[in-house]
């Protein structure tokens, strides 16, 4: 994750937790540098490309949030994940700032 994207995500998570302490928000650590052995283990455990950066859980829904820099664009895998999530009736948002 780029440093700018990281800083945006940290700020958003902190704000959300302050504003909505009774709801859940958590990160999906899907990116980063990994060697082949660790990558294979994570994939076997269920990790998959394109999963949103954050998941928000409320009483009646799941909301998936992809964090991007102001000019950032989704990858093909992220677009596929978005389509799948929406087809299942969940919410998905791309946050640029």
C-alpha atoms as a PDB file:
ATOM      1  CA  UNK A   1       0.000   0.000   0.000  1.00  0.00           C
ATOM      2  CA  UNK A   2       1.327   3.418  -0.903  1.00  0.00           C
ATOM      3  CA  UNK A   3       2.151   5.772   1.975  1.00  0.00           C
ATOM      4  CA  UNK A   4      -0.525   8.301   0.910  1.00  0.00           C
ATOM      5  CA  UNK A   5      -3.168   5.561   0.702  1.00  0.00           C
ATOM      6  CA  UNK A   6      -2.007   4.239   4.082  1.00  0.00           C
ATOM      7  CA  UNK A   7      -2.392   7.662   5.710  1.00  0.00           C
ATOM      8  CA  UNK A   8      -5.884   8.118   4.225  1.00  0.00           C
ATOM      9  CA  UNK A   9      -6.946   4.689   5.473  1.00  0.00           C
ATOM     10  CA  UNK A  10      -5.582   5.285   8.984  1.00  0.00           C
ATOM     11  CA  UNK A  11      -7.430   8.621   9.189  1.00  0.00           C
ATOM     12  CA  UNK A  12     -10.680   7.059   7.957  1.00  0.00           C
ATOM     13  CA  UNK A  13     -10.499   4.154  10.405  1.00  0.00           C
ATOM     14  CA  UNK A  14      -9.729   6.467  13.331  1.00  0.00           C
ATOM     15  CA  UNK A  15     -12.598   8.793  12.394  1.00  0.00           C
ATOM     16  CA  UNK A  16     -15.034   5.917  11.926  1.00  0.00           C
ATOM     17  CA  UNK A  17     -14.147   4.315  15.269  1.00  0.00           C
ATOM     18  CA  UNK A  18     -14.546   7.679  17.021  1.00  0.00           C
ATOM     19  CA  UNK A  19     -17.892   8.483  15.364  1.00  0.00           C
ATOM     20  CA  UNK A  20     -19.375   4.979  15.491  1.00  0.00           C
ATOM     21  CA  UNK A  21     -17.910   3.149  18.513  1.00  0.00           C
ATOM     22  CA  UNK A  22     -20.681   0.519  18.498  1.00  0.00           C
ATOM     23  CA  UNK A  23     -19.994  -0.602  14.927  1.00  0.00           C
ATOM     24  CA  UNK A  24     -17.138  -2.700  13.599  1.00  0.00           C
ATOM     25  CA  UNK A  25     -14.514  -1.687  11.053  1.00  0.00           C
ATOM     26  CA  UNK A  26     -11.501  -3.815  10.227  1.00  0.00           C
ATOM     27  CA  UNK A  27      -8.762  -3.994   7.635  1.00  0.00           C
ATOM     28  CA  UNK A  28      -8.046  -6.881   5.307  1.00  0.00           C
ATOM     29  CA  UNK A  29      -4.231  -7.101   5.098  1.00  0.00           C
ATOM     30  CA  UNK A  30      -4.146  -8.432   1.554  1.00  0.00           C
ATOM     31  CA  UNK A  31      -1.236  -6.435   0.142  1.00  0.00           C
ATOM     32  CA  UNK A  32       2.426  -6.009   0.917  1.00  0.00           C
ATOM     33  CA  UNK A  33       5.631  -7.812   0.134  1.00  0.00           C
ATOM     34  CA  UNK A  34       5.603 -11.542   0.839  1.00  0.00           C
ATOM     35  CA  UNK A  35       7.846 -14.382  -0.171  1.00  0.00           C
ATOM     36  CA  UNK A  36       6.473 -17.276  -2.212  1.00  0.00           C
ATOM     37  CA  UNK A  37       6.022 -19.590   0.792  1.00  0.00           C
ATOM     38  CA  UNK A  38       4.011 -17.043   2.800  1.00  0.00           C
ATOM     39  CA  UNK A  39       1.959 -16.081  -0.267  1.00  0.00           C
ATOM     40  CA  UNK A  40       1.111 -19.745  -0.918  1.00  0.00           C
ATOM     41  CA  UNK A  41       0.069 -20.269   2.729  1.00  0.00           C
ATOM     42  CA  UNK A  42      -2.150 -17.176   2.696  1.00  0.00           C
ATOM     43  CA  UNK A  43      -3.783 -18.234  -0.573  1.00  0.00           C
ATOM     44  CA  UNK A  44      -4.436 -21.715   0.851  1.00  0.00           C
ATOM     45  CA  UNK A  45      -6.024 -20.038   3.913  1.00  0.00           C
ATOM     46  CA  UNK A  46      -8.425 -18.102   1.691  1.00  0.00           C
ATOM     47  CA  UNK A  47      -6.626 -14.883   0.772  1.00  0.00           C
ATOM     48  CA  UNK A  48      -7.611 -13.639  -2.664  1.00  0.00           C
ATOM     49  CA  UNK A  49      -6.651 -10.776  -4.924  1.00  0.00           C
ATOM     50  CA  UNK A  50      -9.014  -7.821  -5.187  1.00  0.00           C
ATOM     51  CA  UNK A  51     -10.594  -7.993  -1.722  1.00  0.00           C
ATOM     52  CA  UNK A  52     -11.508  -4.551  -0.375  1.00  0.00           C
ATOM     53  CA  UNK A  53      -9.187  -2.850   2.129  1.00  0.00           C
ATOM     54  CA  UNK A  54     -11.823  -2.347   4.834  1.00  0.00           C
ATOM     55  CA  UNK A  55     -14.983  -4.081   5.979  1.00  0.00           C
ATOM     56  CA  UNK A  56     -17.629  -2.277   8.028  1.00  0.00           C
ATOM     57  CA  UNK A  57     -20.136  -4.405   9.898  1.00  0.00           C
ATOM     58  CA  UNK A  58     -23.394  -2.917  11.111  1.00  0.00           C
ATOM     59  CA  UNK A  59     -26.414  -4.574  12.643  1.00  0.00           C
ATOM     60  CA  UNK A  60     -27.903  -5.428   9.255  1.00  0.00           C
ATOM     61  CA  UNK A  61     -25.230  -5.087   6.567  1.00  0.00           C
ATOM     62  CA  UNK A  62     -21.641  -5.421   5.462  1.00  0.00           C
ATOM     63  CA  UNK A  63     -19.985  -2.523   3.673  1.00  0.00           C
ATOM     64  CA  UNK A  64     -16.769  -3.033   1.729  1.00  0.00           C
ATOM     65  CA  UNK A  65     -14.450  -0.056   1.216  1.00  0.00           C
ATOM     66  CA  UNK A  66     -11.519   0.156  -1.200  1.00  0.00           C
ATOM     67  CA  UNK A  67      -9.062   2.915  -0.303  1.00  0.00           C
ATOM     68  CA  UNK A  68      -7.338   4.815  -3.102  1.00  0.00           C
ATOM     69  CA  UNK A  69      -5.203   7.893  -3.512  1.00  0.00           C
ATOM     70  CA  UNK A  70      -7.059  10.858  -5.041  1.00  0.00           C
ATOM     71  CA  UNK A  71      -6.110   9.656  -8.550  1.00  0.00           C
ATOM     72  CA  UNK A  72      -5.965   5.929  -7.780  1.00  0.00           C
ATOM     73  CA  UNK A  73      -7.889   3.393  -9.856  1.00  0.00           C
ATOM     74  CA  UNK A  74      -9.170  -0.070  -9.061  1.00  0.00           C
ATOM     75  CA  UNK A  75      -7.389  -3.085 -10.466  1.00  0.00           C
ATOM     76  CA  UNK A  76      -9.268  -5.589 -12.608  1.00  0.00           C
ATOM     77  CA  UNK A  77      -9.463  -7.979  -9.628  1.00  0.00           C
ATOM     78  CA  UNK A  78     -10.881  -5.197  -7.408  1.00  0.00           C
ATOM     79  CA  UNK A  79     -13.594  -4.427  -9.973  1.00  0.00           C
ATOM     80  CA  UNK A  80     -14.456  -8.147 -10.124  1.00  0.00           C
ATOM     81  CA  UNK A  81     -14.670  -8.302  -6.319  1.00  0.00           C
ATOM     82  CA  UNK A  82     -16.930  -5.213  -6.294  1.00  0.00           C
ATOM     83  CA  UNK A  83     -19.292  -6.807  -8.824  1.00  0.00           C
ATOM     84  CA  UNK A  84     -19.442 -10.037  -6.832  1.00  0.00           C
ATOM     85  CA  UNK A  85     -20.129  -8.253  -3.530  1.00  0.00           C
ATOM     86  CA  UNK A  86     -22.871  -6.108  -5.083  1.00  0.00           C
ATOM     87  CA  UNK A  87     -24.448  -9.159  -6.737  1.00  0.00           C
ATOM     88  CA  UNK A  88     -24.734 -10.682  -3.256  1.00  0.00           C
ATOM     89  CA  UNK A  89     -26.585  -7.563  -2.076  1.00  0.00           C
ATOM     90  CA  UNK A  90     -23.809  -5.878  -0.119  1.00  0.00           C
ATOM     91  CA  UNK A  91     -22.508  -2.318  -0.342  1.00  0.00           C
ATOM     92  CA  UNK A  92     -19.122  -1.427  -1.878  1.00  0.00           C
ATOM     93  CA  UNK A  93     -17.474   1.993  -2.027  1.00  0.00           C
ATOM     94  CA  UNK A  94     -14.213   3.359  -3.351  1.00  0.00           C
ATOM     95  CA  UNK A  95     -12.808   6.082  -1.076  1.00  0.00           C
ATOM     96  CA  UNK A  96     -10.351   8.506  -2.666  1.00  0.00           C
ATOM     97  CA  UNK A  97      -9.769  10.824   0.296  1.00  0.00           C
END
